[in-house]
């Protein structure tokens, strides 16, 4: 049974150093100012991400055993919540934030529409089997698959950013 969210979701997946974060930054910069897009990153390199504010009260509370700590300042909320999160639970958290769309970096095997970022043909061969792939993006034109059967973009092509934004608006491209 498919989960229905109150906003469109697009995943940006690929291996380390394929350009996922840079591509997401470009999509965000291309988005209309009135469009509230959330981002969720899977820290797929092992271990915990670096703390937001080492030595500050929120980190002290976290080290003392708090399940959730947060600090707000100038409209920025930094949240640490220690729990075994699954993607569905994280998306539910974002549901409360009133966003228009969600870009997820990583979680390759989740059931949402995906853009695959590739560095070379080997990446394409390893990732083309993923479910719900809607486009491929490459930083190198010589490694762009000719047989993808879906849109293929160069990472610098503004059409790639527009494609993702159209998906986040719920439009089919």
C-alpha atoms as a PDB file:
ATOM      1  CA  UNK A   1       0.000   0.000   0.000  1.00  0.00           C
ATOM      2  CA  UNK A   2       1.453   3.369  -1.011  1.00  0.00           C
ATOM      3  CA  UNK A   3       1.797   6.083   1.596  1.00  0.00           C
ATOM      4  CA  UNK A   4       0.161   9.378   0.651  1.00  0.00           C
ATOM      5  CA  UNK A   5       2.022  12.487   1.803  1.00  0.00           C
ATOM      6  CA  UNK A   6       0.712  16.023   1.903  1.00  0.00           C
ATOM      7  CA  UNK A   7       3.580  17.108  -0.368  1.00  0.00           C
ATOM      8  CA  UNK A   8       5.516  15.676  -3.325  1.00  0.00           C
ATOM      9  CA  UNK A   9       8.811  13.894  -2.613  1.00  0.00           C
ATOM     10  CA  UNK A  10      11.815  13.491  -4.905  1.00  0.00           C
ATOM     11  CA  UNK A  11      14.870  11.499  -3.913  1.00  0.00           C
ATOM     12  CA  UNK A  12      18.349  12.344  -5.190  1.00  0.00           C
ATOM     13  CA  UNK A  13      20.430   9.169  -4.977  1.00  0.00           C
ATOM     14  CA  UNK A  14      23.899   8.087  -6.010  1.00  0.00           C
ATOM     15  CA  UNK A  15      27.222   7.053  -4.637  1.00  0.00           C
ATOM     16  CA  UNK A  16      29.573   9.227  -2.586  1.00  0.00           C
ATOM     17  CA  UNK A  17      30.949  12.252  -4.464  1.00  0.00           C
ATOM     18  CA  UNK A  18      28.467  11.919  -7.328  1.00  0.00           C
ATOM     19  CA  UNK A  19      27.287  15.513  -6.861  1.00  0.00           C
ATOM     20  CA  UNK A  20      24.035  14.939  -4.937  1.00  0.00           C
ATOM     21  CA  UNK A  21      24.456  17.806  -2.468  1.00  0.00           C
ATOM     22  CA  UNK A  22      25.610  20.288  -5.124  1.00  0.00           C
ATOM     23  CA  UNK A  23      22.691  19.337  -7.353  1.00  0.00           C
ATOM     24  CA  UNK A  24      20.200  19.811  -4.508  1.00  0.00           C
ATOM     25  CA  UNK A  25      21.714  23.240  -3.812  1.00  0.00           C
ATOM     26  CA  UNK A  26      21.155  24.170  -7.471  1.00  0.00           C
ATOM     27  CA  UNK A  27      17.538  22.998  -7.355  1.00  0.00           C
ATOM     28  CA  UNK A  28      16.928  25.049  -4.208  1.00  0.00           C
ATOM     29  CA  UNK A  29      18.488  28.169  -5.781  1.00  0.00           C
ATOM     30  CA  UNK A  30      16.295  27.716  -8.874  1.00  0.00           C
ATOM     31  CA  UNK A  31      13.096  27.322  -6.844  1.00  0.00           C
ATOM     32  CA  UNK A  32      10.646  30.213  -6.629  1.00  0.00           C
ATOM     33  CA  UNK A  33      11.017  32.130  -3.354  1.00  0.00           C
ATOM     34  CA  UNK A  34       7.404  31.373  -2.403  1.00  0.00           C
ATOM     35  CA  UNK A  35       8.013  27.620  -2.656  1.00  0.00           C
ATOM     36  CA  UNK A  36       8.945  26.035   0.693  1.00  0.00           C
ATOM     37  CA  UNK A  37      11.064  22.967  -0.041  1.00  0.00           C
ATOM     38  CA  UNK A  38      12.317  20.760   2.745  1.00  0.00           C
ATOM     39  CA  UNK A  39      15.513  18.748   2.553  1.00  0.00           C
ATOM     40  CA  UNK A  40      16.376  15.529   4.326  1.00  0.00           C
ATOM     41  CA  UNK A  41      19.818  13.985   4.074  1.00  0.00           C
ATOM     42  CA  UNK A  42      20.748  10.422   4.866  1.00  0.00           C
ATOM     43  CA  UNK A  43      24.158  10.352   6.552  1.00  0.00           C
ATOM     44  CA  UNK A  44      25.355   7.292   4.727  1.00  0.00           C
ATOM     45  CA  UNK A  45      29.050   7.370   5.637  1.00  0.00           C
ATOM     46  CA  UNK A  46      28.743   5.571   8.969  1.00  0.00           C
ATOM     47  CA  UNK A  47      28.679   7.038  12.450  1.00  0.00           C
ATOM     48  CA  UNK A  48      26.833  10.098  13.661  1.00  0.00           C
ATOM     49  CA  UNK A  49      27.006  13.433  11.854  1.00  0.00           C
ATOM     50  CA  UNK A  50      29.008  16.113  13.628  1.00  0.00           C
ATOM     51  CA  UNK A  51      26.986  17.845  16.362  1.00  0.00           C
ATOM     52  CA  UNK A  52      25.440  21.196  15.420  1.00  0.00           C
ATOM     53  CA  UNK A  53      26.770  23.016  18.475  1.00  0.00           C
ATOM     54  CA  UNK A  54      29.468  21.155  20.360  1.00  0.00           C
ATOM     55  CA  UNK A  55      29.707  22.334  23.939  1.00  0.00           C
ATOM     56  CA  UNK A  56      26.454  24.340  23.860  1.00  0.00           C
ATOM     57  CA  UNK A  57      23.473  23.642  26.125  1.00  0.00           C
ATOM     58  CA  UNK A  58      21.585  21.590  23.511  1.00  0.00           C
ATOM     59  CA  UNK A  59      24.571  19.272  23.049  1.00  0.00           C
ATOM     60  CA  UNK A  60      25.025  19.011  26.829  1.00  0.00           C
ATOM     61  CA  UNK A  61      21.349  18.018  27.183  1.00  0.00           C
ATOM     62  CA  UNK A  62      21.784  15.432  24.429  1.00  0.00           C
ATOM     63  CA  UNK A  63      24.877  13.945  26.068  1.00  0.00           C
ATOM     64  CA  UNK A  64      22.980  13.826  29.358  1.00  0.00           C
ATOM     65  CA  UNK A  65      20.398  11.545  27.739  1.00  0.00           C
ATOM     66  CA  UNK A  66      17.678  13.809  26.310  1.00  0.00           C
ATOM     67  CA  UNK A  67      15.816  12.077  23.470  1.00  0.00           C
ATOM     68  CA  UNK A  68      15.201  15.392  21.680  1.00  0.00           C
ATOM     69  CA  UNK A  69      17.017  18.707  21.978  1.00  0.00           C
ATOM     70  CA  UNK A  70      16.566  21.830  19.906  1.00  0.00           C
ATOM     71  CA  UNK A  71      17.822  25.376  19.752  1.00  0.00           C
ATOM     72  CA  UNK A  72      16.194  28.223  17.814  1.00  0.00           C
ATOM     73  CA  UNK A  73      17.711  31.530  16.823  1.00  0.00           C
ATOM     74  CA  UNK A  74      16.902  33.965  14.053  1.00  0.00           C
ATOM     75  CA  UNK A  75      14.394  31.592  12.464  1.00  0.00           C
ATOM     76  CA  UNK A  76      16.781  28.614  12.361  1.00  0.00           C
ATOM     77  CA  UNK A  77      15.912  25.422  14.240  1.00  0.00           C
ATOM     78  CA  UNK A  78      18.609  22.849  14.877  1.00  0.00           C
ATOM     79  CA  UNK A  79      17.141  19.582  16.081  1.00  0.00           C
ATOM     80  CA  UNK A  80      18.759  16.512  17.547  1.00  0.00           C
ATOM     81  CA  UNK A  81      16.454  13.588  18.224  1.00  0.00           C
ATOM     82  CA  UNK A  82      17.970  10.284  19.333  1.00  0.00           C
ATOM     83  CA  UNK A  83      15.752   7.454  18.178  1.00  0.00           C
ATOM     84  CA  UNK A  84      15.943   4.657  15.623  1.00  0.00           C
ATOM     85  CA  UNK A  85      14.354   6.625  12.776  1.00  0.00           C
ATOM     86  CA  UNK A  86      12.985   5.079   9.642  1.00  0.00           C
ATOM     87  CA  UNK A  87      12.267   7.163   6.554  1.00  0.00           C
ATOM     88  CA  UNK A  88       8.494   7.071   7.095  1.00  0.00           C
ATOM     89  CA  UNK A  89       8.940   8.545  10.585  1.00  0.00           C
ATOM     90  CA  UNK A  90      11.234  11.270   9.267  1.00  0.00           C
ATOM     91  CA  UNK A  91       8.750  12.170   6.535  1.00  0.00           C
ATOM     92  CA  UNK A  92       5.996  12.352   9.173  1.00  0.00           C
ATOM     93  CA  UNK A  93       8.137  14.842  11.078  1.00  0.00           C
ATOM     94  CA  UNK A  94       8.425  16.978   7.935  1.00  0.00           C
ATOM     95  CA  UNK A  95       4.614  16.790   7.494  1.00  0.00           C
ATOM     96  CA  UNK A  96       4.324  19.091  10.531  1.00  0.00           C
ATOM     97  CA  UNK A  97       6.550  21.759   8.958  1.00  0.00           C
ATOM     98  CA  UNK A  98       4.116  22.965   6.283  1.00  0.00           C
ATOM     99  CA  UNK A  99       6.459  22.474   3.336  1.00  0.00           C
ATOM    100  CA  UNK A 100       5.436  22.322  -0.332  1.00  0.00           C
ATOM    101  CA  UNK A 101       7.832  19.529  -1.319  1.00  0.00           C
ATOM    102  CA  UNK A 102      10.647  17.389   0.058  1.00  0.00           C
ATOM    103  CA  UNK A 103      14.019  16.608  -1.482  1.00  0.00           C
ATOM    104  CA  UNK A 104      15.590  13.526   0.067  1.00  0.00           C
ATOM    105  CA  UNK A 105      19.291  12.880  -0.415  1.00  0.00           C
ATOM    106  CA  UNK A 106      19.933   9.167  -0.167  1.00  0.00           C
ATOM    107  CA  UNK A 107      17.785   6.279   1.106  1.00  0.00           C
ATOM    108  CA  UNK A 108      18.302   4.530  -2.270  1.00  0.00           C
ATOM    109  CA  UNK A 109      15.787   1.754  -1.620  1.00  0.00           C
ATOM    110  CA  UNK A 110      12.884   3.922  -0.425  1.00  0.00           C
ATOM    111  CA  UNK A 111       9.742   3.899  -2.612  1.00  0.00           C
ATOM    112  CA  UNK A 112       9.742   7.527  -3.806  1.00  0.00           C
ATOM    113  CA  UNK A 113      10.494   8.978  -7.256  1.00  0.00           C
ATOM    114  CA  UNK A 114      14.266   9.109  -7.743  1.00  0.00           C
ATOM    115  CA  UNK A 115      16.841  11.054  -9.693  1.00  0.00           C
ATOM    116  CA  UNK A 116      20.032   9.000 -10.019  1.00  0.00           C
ATOM    117  CA  UNK A 117      23.313  10.947  -9.934  1.00  0.00           C
ATOM    118  CA  UNK A 118      26.142   9.131 -11.708  1.00  0.00           C
ATOM    119  CA  UNK A 119      29.873   9.759 -12.051  1.00  0.00           C
ATOM    120  CA  UNK A 120      30.470   7.070 -14.666  1.00  0.00           C
ATOM    121  CA  UNK A 121      28.852   4.181 -16.562  1.00  0.00           C
ATOM    122  CA  UNK A 122      29.624   1.797 -13.712  1.00  0.00           C
ATOM    123  CA  UNK A 123      27.414   3.871 -11.365  1.00  0.00           C
ATOM    124  CA  UNK A 124      24.554   3.611 -13.884  1.00  0.00           C
ATOM    125  CA  UNK A 125      24.949  -0.174 -14.131  1.00  0.00           C
ATOM    126  CA  UNK A 126      24.825  -0.507 -10.325  1.00  0.00           C
ATOM    127  CA  UNK A 127      21.872   1.856  -9.792  1.00  0.00           C
ATOM    128  CA  UNK A 128      19.576   1.465 -12.816  1.00  0.00           C
ATOM    129  CA  UNK A 129      17.676  -1.369 -11.100  1.00  0.00           C
ATOM    130  CA  UNK A 130      16.335   0.933  -8.366  1.00  0.00           C
ATOM    131  CA  UNK A 131      12.556   1.384  -8.220  1.00  0.00           C
ATOM    132  CA  UNK A 132      10.787   4.567  -9.370  1.00  0.00           C
ATOM    133  CA  UNK A 133      13.738   6.146 -11.183  1.00  0.00           C
ATOM    134  CA  UNK A 134      12.444   9.164 -13.126  1.00  0.00           C
ATOM    135  CA  UNK A 135      15.690  10.688 -14.468  1.00  0.00           C
ATOM    136  CA  UNK A 136      19.468  10.399 -14.580  1.00  0.00           C
ATOM    137  CA  UNK A 137      21.924  13.236 -13.998  1.00  0.00           C
ATOM    138  CA  UNK A 138      25.632  13.077 -14.777  1.00  0.00           C
ATOM    139  CA  UNK A 139      28.472  15.534 -14.338  1.00  0.00           C
ATOM    140  CA  UNK A 140      30.206  14.070 -17.384  1.00  0.00           C
ATOM    141  CA  UNK A 141      28.556  13.923 -20.834  1.00  0.00           C
ATOM    142  CA  UNK A 142      30.583  10.904 -21.933  1.00  0.00           C
ATOM    143  CA  UNK A 143      28.993   8.810 -19.157  1.00  0.00           C
ATOM    144  CA  UNK A 144      25.372   9.753 -19.825  1.00  0.00           C
ATOM    145  CA  UNK A 145      23.450   6.538 -20.624  1.00  0.00           C
ATOM    146  CA  UNK A 146      21.895   6.476 -24.089  1.00  0.00           C
ATOM    147  CA  UNK A 147      19.582   3.583 -23.170  1.00  0.00           C
ATOM    148  CA  UNK A 148      18.047   4.984 -19.967  1.00  0.00           C
ATOM    149  CA  UNK A 149      14.483   5.178 -21.306  1.00  0.00           C
ATOM    150  CA  UNK A 150      13.907   8.328 -19.262  1.00  0.00           C
ATOM    151  CA  UNK A 151      15.188  11.915 -19.197  1.00  0.00           C
ATOM    152  CA  UNK A 152      18.990  12.200 -18.914  1.00  0.00           C
ATOM    153  CA  UNK A 153      20.531  15.550 -17.972  1.00  0.00           C
ATOM    154  CA  UNK A 154      23.962  17.043 -17.502  1.00  0.00           C
ATOM    155  CA  UNK A 155      24.335  18.293 -13.915  1.00  0.00           C
ATOM    156  CA  UNK A 156      24.861  21.874 -15.150  1.00  0.00           C
ATOM    157  CA  UNK A 157      21.766  21.878 -17.374  1.00  0.00           C
ATOM    158  CA  UNK A 158      19.100  24.252 -15.987  1.00  0.00           C
ATOM    159  CA  UNK A 159      16.511  21.863 -17.469  1.00  0.00           C
ATOM    160  CA  UNK A 160      17.574  19.295 -14.848  1.00  0.00           C
ATOM    161  CA  UNK A 161      16.700  21.685 -12.020  1.00  0.00           C
ATOM    162  CA  UNK A 162      13.412  22.601 -13.722  1.00  0.00           C
ATOM    163  CA  UNK A 163      12.570  18.907 -14.094  1.00  0.00           C
ATOM    164  CA  UNK A 164      12.985  18.347 -10.345  1.00  0.00           C
ATOM    165  CA  UNK A 165      11.000  21.477  -9.523  1.00  0.00           C
ATOM    166  CA  UNK A 166       8.175  20.320 -11.829  1.00  0.00           C
ATOM    167  CA  UNK A 167       8.086  17.026  -9.901  1.00  0.00           C
ATOM    168  CA  UNK A 168       7.964  18.928  -6.595  1.00  0.00           C
ATOM    169  CA  UNK A 169       5.002  20.902  -7.927  1.00  0.00           C
ATOM    170  CA  UNK A 170       3.238  17.621  -8.668  1.00  0.00           C
ATOM    171  CA  UNK A 171       3.517  18.088 -12.429  1.00  0.00           C
ATOM    172  CA  UNK A 172       4.554  15.275 -14.707  1.00  0.00           C
ATOM    173  CA  UNK A 173       7.347  16.218 -17.052  1.00  0.00           C
END
